[in-house]
Protein backbone atom coordinates (compact mmCIF):
# COMPACT_ATOMS: atom_id res chain seq x y z
CA MET A 1 -5.17 -15.92 10.29
CA TYR A 2 -6.43 -13.42 12.85
CA ARG A 3 -8.84 -10.51 12.65
CA PHE A 4 -9.00 -7.63 15.12
CA ILE A 5 -12.57 -6.45 15.68
CA LEU A 6 -13.66 -3.44 17.71
CA ASP A 7 -16.49 -4.14 20.16
CA SER A 8 -18.30 -2.38 23.01
CA THR A 9 -16.49 -4.07 25.88
CA SER A 10 -12.86 -3.54 24.90
CA LYS A 11 -10.76 -1.77 22.33
CA PHE A 12 -10.47 -4.92 20.23
CA SER A 13 -11.08 -8.64 20.12
CA ILE A 14 -8.90 -11.25 18.41
CA HIS A 15 -10.48 -14.06 16.43
CA GLY A 16 -8.54 -16.87 14.74
CA THR A 17 -9.88 -18.31 11.51
CA ASP A 18 -8.89 -19.86 8.19
CA ASP A 19 -11.98 -18.41 6.51
CA TYR A 20 -10.99 -15.52 4.26
CA SER A 21 -14.58 -14.31 4.08
CA LYS A 22 -14.14 -13.11 7.66
CA LEU A 23 -11.83 -10.42 6.26
CA PHE A 24 -14.75 -8.83 4.41
CA GLY A 25 -14.71 -5.07 4.90
CA SER A 26 -11.24 -4.89 6.45
CA ASP A 27 -9.47 -1.55 6.07
CA ILE A 28 -5.99 -2.97 6.67
CA VAL A 29 -4.64 -6.47 6.08
CA VAL A 30 -1.26 -7.51 7.50
CA ILE A 31 0.37 -10.52 5.82
CA ALA A 32 2.93 -12.34 7.96
CA ALA A 33 2.45 -15.88 6.61
CA SER A 34 5.32 -18.25 5.86
CA THR A 35 5.79 -21.67 4.31
CA GLY A 36 8.98 -22.36 6.26
CA VAL A 37 11.97 -20.98 8.15
CA TYR A 38 14.94 -19.57 6.25
CA THR A 39 18.41 -19.79 7.81
CA LYS A 40 20.92 -18.48 5.26
CA ASP A 41 19.06 -16.09 2.96
CA ARG A 42 15.58 -14.54 2.89
CA THR A 43 15.03 -15.92 -0.61
CA GLU A 44 15.56 -19.58 0.36
CA ASN A 45 11.87 -20.44 0.10
CA ILE A 46 11.07 -18.03 -2.72
CA ASP A 47 9.04 -20.40 -4.94
CA SER A 48 6.80 -21.68 -2.14
CA GLN A 49 6.43 -18.18 -0.73
CA VAL A 50 5.34 -16.76 -4.09
CA THR A 51 2.86 -19.64 -4.52
CA MET A 52 1.51 -18.78 -1.08
CA ILE A 53 1.25 -15.03 -1.77
CA LYS A 54 -0.62 -15.66 -5.04
CA GLU A 55 -3.24 -17.68 -3.18
CA ILE A 56 -3.54 -15.02 -0.47
CA ALA A 57 -3.72 -12.24 -3.06
CA GLU A 58 -6.64 -13.82 -4.88
CA LYS A 59 -8.60 -14.21 -1.64
CA ILE A 60 -7.94 -10.68 -0.45
CA LYS A 61 -8.87 -9.30 -3.87
CA GLN A 62 -12.16 -11.17 -3.55
CA TYR A 63 -13.11 -10.21 0.02
CA CYS A 64 -11.51 -6.83 0.76
CA PRO A 65 -10.51 -5.11 -2.49
CA SER A 66 -10.33 -1.67 -0.85
CA ALA A 67 -7.94 -2.65 1.95
CA ILE A 68 -4.44 -1.29 2.51
CA ILE A 69 -2.01 -4.22 2.52
CA LEU A 70 1.02 -4.41 4.83
CA LEU A 71 3.48 -7.17 3.91
CA ILE A 72 5.87 -8.69 6.45
CA SER A 73 6.51 -12.10 4.83
CA ASN A 74 9.88 -12.72 3.14
CA PRO A 75 11.31 -12.29 0.56
CA LEU A 76 9.47 -9.03 1.06
CA ASP A 77 10.27 -7.08 -2.08
CA VAL A 78 9.53 -10.05 -4.34
CA LEU A 79 6.23 -10.79 -2.58
CA THR A 80 5.22 -7.11 -2.65
CA TYR A 81 5.77 -7.09 -6.41
CA PHE A 82 3.75 -10.26 -7.06
CA PHE A 83 0.93 -9.28 -4.70
CA GLN A 84 0.43 -5.91 -6.39
CA LYS A 85 0.59 -7.37 -9.89
CA ILE A 86 -1.88 -10.16 -9.09
CA THR A 87 -4.43 -7.99 -7.30
CA GLU A 88 -3.91 -4.89 -9.47
CA PHE A 89 -4.43 -2.88 -6.28
CA PRO A 90 -3.07 0.69 -6.41
CA ARG A 91 0.64 0.38 -5.69
CA PHE A 92 0.36 3.01 -2.96
CA LYS A 93 -1.82 0.58 -1.00
CA VAL A 94 0.55 -2.41 -1.10
CA ILE A 95 3.30 -1.64 1.39
CA ARG A 96 6.31 -3.66 2.48
CA ILE A 97 7.27 -2.63 6.01
CA ALA A 98 10.80 -3.84 6.74
CA SER A 99 12.93 -0.95 5.37
CA SER A 100 11.90 0.99 8.48
CA LEU A 101 13.16 -1.94 10.59
CA ASP A 102 16.47 -1.87 8.70
CA SER A 103 16.64 1.88 9.35
CA SER A 104 16.09 1.29 13.07
CA ARG A 105 18.97 -1.16 13.05
CA PHE A 106 21.11 1.36 11.16
CA ARG A 107 20.47 3.96 13.87
CA TYR A 108 21.34 1.38 16.52
CA PHE A 109 24.74 0.68 14.99
CA ILE A 110 25.48 4.40 14.58
CA SER A 111 24.53 4.97 18.21
CA LYS A 112 26.72 2.09 19.34
CA LYS A 113 29.70 3.13 17.21
CA LEU A 114 29.69 6.80 18.19
CA SER A 115 28.33 6.38 21.74
CA VAL A 116 25.47 8.80 21.11
CA PRO A 117 21.73 8.53 21.84
CA GLN A 118 19.61 7.49 18.87
CA SER A 119 17.58 10.68 19.34
CA SER A 120 20.63 12.64 18.14
CA ILE A 121 20.65 10.79 14.79
CA SER A 122 18.64 12.14 11.85
CA ASN A 123 17.95 11.02 8.26
CA ALA A 124 19.44 7.55 8.78
CA LEU A 125 17.58 5.51 6.17
CA VAL A 126 18.09 2.11 4.57
CA LEU A 127 16.89 1.73 0.97
CA GLY A 128 16.80 -1.08 -1.56
CA GLU A 129 16.20 -4.74 -0.83
CA HIS A 130 15.24 -6.05 2.58
CA GLY A 131 18.12 -8.47 2.30
CA ASP A 132 21.81 -8.87 1.63
CA SER A 133 21.94 -5.95 -0.83
CA SER A 134 20.24 -3.35 1.37
CA VAL A 135 21.74 0.16 1.18
CA PRO A 136 22.28 2.25 4.34
CA ILE A 137 22.34 5.92 3.29
CA PHE A 138 25.23 7.70 4.98
CA SER A 139 25.36 10.81 2.79
CA ASN A 140 22.22 12.31 4.37
CA THR A 141 22.75 11.03 7.91
CA CYS A 142 23.61 13.52 10.64
CA VAL A 143 24.50 13.21 14.32
CA ASN A 144 23.65 16.29 16.35
CA GLY A 145 23.37 18.15 13.07
CA ASN A 146 26.81 17.10 11.82
CA ALA A 147 27.40 14.84 8.80
CA ILE A 148 28.26 11.33 9.92
CA LEU A 149 30.74 10.94 7.06
CA SER A 150 32.94 13.49 8.85
CA MET A 151 33.05 11.17 11.88
CA ILE A 152 33.81 7.76 10.37
CA ASP A 153 36.21 6.35 7.80
CA ASP A 154 35.48 3.99 4.91
CA ASN A 155 36.33 0.89 6.93
CA GLU A 156 33.88 1.89 9.65
CA LYS A 157 31.21 2.66 7.05
CA ASN A 158 31.63 -0.71 5.34
CA SER A 159 31.54 -2.44 8.71
CA MET A 160 28.21 -0.80 9.51
CA ILE A 161 26.80 -1.78 6.10
CA ASN A 162 27.65 -5.41 6.82
CA ASP A 163 26.22 -5.14 10.33
CA VAL A 164 22.88 -3.83 9.02
CA ARG A 165 22.66 -6.49 6.32
CA ASN A 166 23.56 -9.40 8.58
CA TYR A 167 21.98 -8.46 11.89
CA TRP A 168 19.10 -10.90 11.38
CA LYS A 169 21.59 -13.78 11.24
CA LYS A 170 23.00 -12.74 14.60
CA LEU A 171 19.49 -12.67 16.05
CA ARG A 172 19.01 -16.29 15.03
CA ASN A 173 21.57 -17.23 17.69
CA TYR A 174 19.16 -15.94 20.34
CA LYS A 175 15.68 -16.60 18.91
CA SER A 176 14.01 -18.07 15.85
CA ARG A 177 13.06 -14.77 14.21
CA SER A 178 13.03 -10.99 14.72
CA GLN A 179 9.33 -10.60 15.47
CA PHE A 180 9.42 -7.77 18.01
CA GLY A 181 11.18 -5.13 15.92
CA ILE A 182 8.98 -5.65 12.89
CA ALA A 183 5.87 -5.68 15.09
CA LYS A 184 6.75 -2.21 16.39
CA ASN A 185 7.34 -0.89 12.87
CA ALA A 186 4.08 -2.42 11.63
CA TYR A 187 2.23 -0.87 14.57
CA ASP A 188 3.59 2.59 13.68
CA VAL A 189 2.26 2.27 10.12
CA ILE A 190 -1.13 0.96 11.27
CA ASP A 191 -1.38 3.77 13.82
CA ALA A 192 -0.67 6.37 11.12
CA ILE A 193 -3.33 4.89 8.83
CA ILE A 194 -6.05 4.44 11.46
CA ASN A 195 -5.49 7.77 13.22
CA SER A 196 -4.83 9.89 10.11
CA LYS A 197 -1.26 10.73 11.10
CA GLU A 198 1.61 11.46 8.74
CA LEU A 199 4.60 9.12 9.01
CA SER A 200 7.87 9.50 7.08
CA ILE A 201 9.73 6.20 6.74
CA SER A 202 11.47 4.07 4.15
CA THR A 203 9.36 1.23 2.84
CA SER A 204 8.96 -0.82 -0.30
CA ILE A 205 6.42 -0.35 -3.07
CA VAL A 206 6.33 -1.31 -6.75
CA LEU A 207 8.31 1.33 -8.61
CA ASP A 208 7.26 3.12 -11.78
CA GLY A 209 10.29 5.21 -12.69
CA GLU A 210 11.12 6.50 -9.21
CA TYR A 211 14.89 6.42 -8.58
CA ASP A 212 15.13 5.38 -12.25
CA GLU A 213 13.71 1.95 -11.42
CA SER A 214 10.71 -0.07 -12.55
CA ASN A 215 9.48 -3.68 -12.69
CA ALA A 216 10.49 -4.25 -9.08
CA ALA A 217 9.47 -3.36 -5.56
CA MET A 218 12.19 -1.72 -3.48
CA GLY A 219 12.62 0.26 -0.28
CA ILE A 220 12.51 4.04 -0.79
CA PRO A 221 11.57 7.04 1.40
CA VAL A 222 7.82 7.68 1.57
CA LYS A 223 5.14 9.45 3.55
CA ILE A 224 2.22 7.41 4.89
CA ASN A 225 -1.20 8.64 5.98
CA GLN A 226 -4.76 7.31 6.18
CA ASN A 227 -4.73 6.49 2.46
CA GLY A 228 -1.56 4.43 2.51
CA ILE A 229 1.50 5.90 0.82
CA SER A 230 0.72 9.55 0.14
CA GLU A 231 4.07 10.65 -1.29
CA ILE A 232 7.31 9.18 -2.62
CA GLN A 233 10.20 11.31 -1.44
CA LYS A 234 13.24 11.93 -3.60
CA ILE A 235 16.55 12.25 -1.76
CA GLU A 236 19.98 12.85 -3.22
CA LEU A 237 22.41 9.95 -3.11
CA ASP A 238 26.15 9.96 -3.65
CA LYS A 239 27.73 7.89 -6.43
CA PHE A 240 28.61 5.02 -4.11
CA GLU A 241 25.04 4.76 -2.81
CA SER A 242 23.51 5.10 -6.28
CA ALA A 243 25.66 2.23 -7.52
CA LEU A 244 24.67 0.06 -4.55
CA LEU A 245 20.99 0.88 -5.06
CA LYS A 246 21.21 -0.09 -8.73
CA LYS A 247 22.86 -3.37 -7.70
CA SER A 248 20.10 -3.95 -5.16
CA SER A 249 17.29 -3.32 -7.66
CA ASN A 250 18.93 -5.70 -10.14
CA LYS A 251 19.12 -8.34 -7.40
CA ILE A 252 15.39 -7.97 -6.73
CA ARG A 253 14.50 -8.20 -10.43
CA ASN A 254 16.68 -11.29 -10.81
CA ASP A 255 14.88 -12.87 -7.86
CA ILE A 256 11.50 -12.02 -9.41
CA ASN A 257 12.56 -13.53 -12.73
CA SER A 258 13.91 -16.65 -11.02
CA VAL A 259 10.54 -17.71 -9.64
CA GLN A 260 9.46 -21.11 -10.95
CA ILE A 261 5.91 -22.04 -10.08
């Protein structure tokens, strides 16, 4: 566990510790802990990961109950749900980051497929689970102001869905985990919170009726500012995407209900 502390000689100092009391007064806590490496599915270590997050949640509730929590550990949606329920923190302050990473990967595959710069791509979001049921949203995505669905066929769309869902497996052929992409996305959220900026991304929180879902945490479009999530954004989905999102939410709830600890 590390804590970043501002001091008079540099912008920050890094201190390693296993003493949770050192977190006292923290405004933001980033959780990236893991009990093991997964190789086939992000839910492989679900029971041990939930046991771990329960222990972390109790300590953070004790020492920094006003902090905004950023979760990076997998399975992210399941851990986000359990952390919020255990701590009873406001759900807008318990944020799972990785939907924005999935969205970055979505833009990458669009850019590669159409040979366009990523700056020309707008509204390319990935919702739902950070996992094998994630849902890239094509119906709102535009390239240079034109609907992407006018540029690709169903086979190309399905290929990109599979690419987004399975990209992490490809990365395992080159390195043990995808730490750099998620670090950049976590930095963007921390920067928005610390510097009172407004950031529009997709990220996971515990749902309470949004997108007709509850009793799960799932990636949806939000705005983030110095208070955490300031707004949940509602976007229109087509029937295909709505069906996939329902399937994804059911997958997350099944994972939550499967936990045996």
